[in-house]
Amino acid sequence: MKEEVISVTPDTLGNKIAEMKKNGYRFVTMSCVELDSDTVDILYHFDKNLELAHFRLTIPKNEAAPSISPVYFAAFLVENEIQDQFGIRFDGLAIDYNRTLYLEEEVQRAPYCRITVSNVEGSEGD
């Protein structure tokens, strides 16, 4: 199985996504990772004949990411989920639940909880 990760920018994402569709890649899903208090990585996952390809878009939390739902319609669900959980906006979203896919309208804060794991020297069980 072959895998690759390609870094993209908001300006290059649209062309890369269109190229994947043209080349017969199947959209698998997207994931989002909080890098710090201001930045997230949005990861786009694709498959073709057991060949996996991933795009990484690093974007400030206060900027909207371009939606890929005009090319891969099914992406509207996970993009809405990322809006709900991380507060990241998507420009051009095919169906926009406006942060109410999972959340009630009165919820003001994205519920994503950042968990930090640290290694403690000399802890029991070493």
Foldseek 3Di string as FASTA:
>chain_A
DAEDEAEDELVCVQVVLLVCVVVPKDWDAWDKADPDPFKIWIKTWIDDPNYIYIYIYIDTQVDAHEQPCVPVVVHLVRQLVCCQQPVHHYPPRPDHPPNVPPDDPPDDDRNHDDDDDDDDPPDPPD
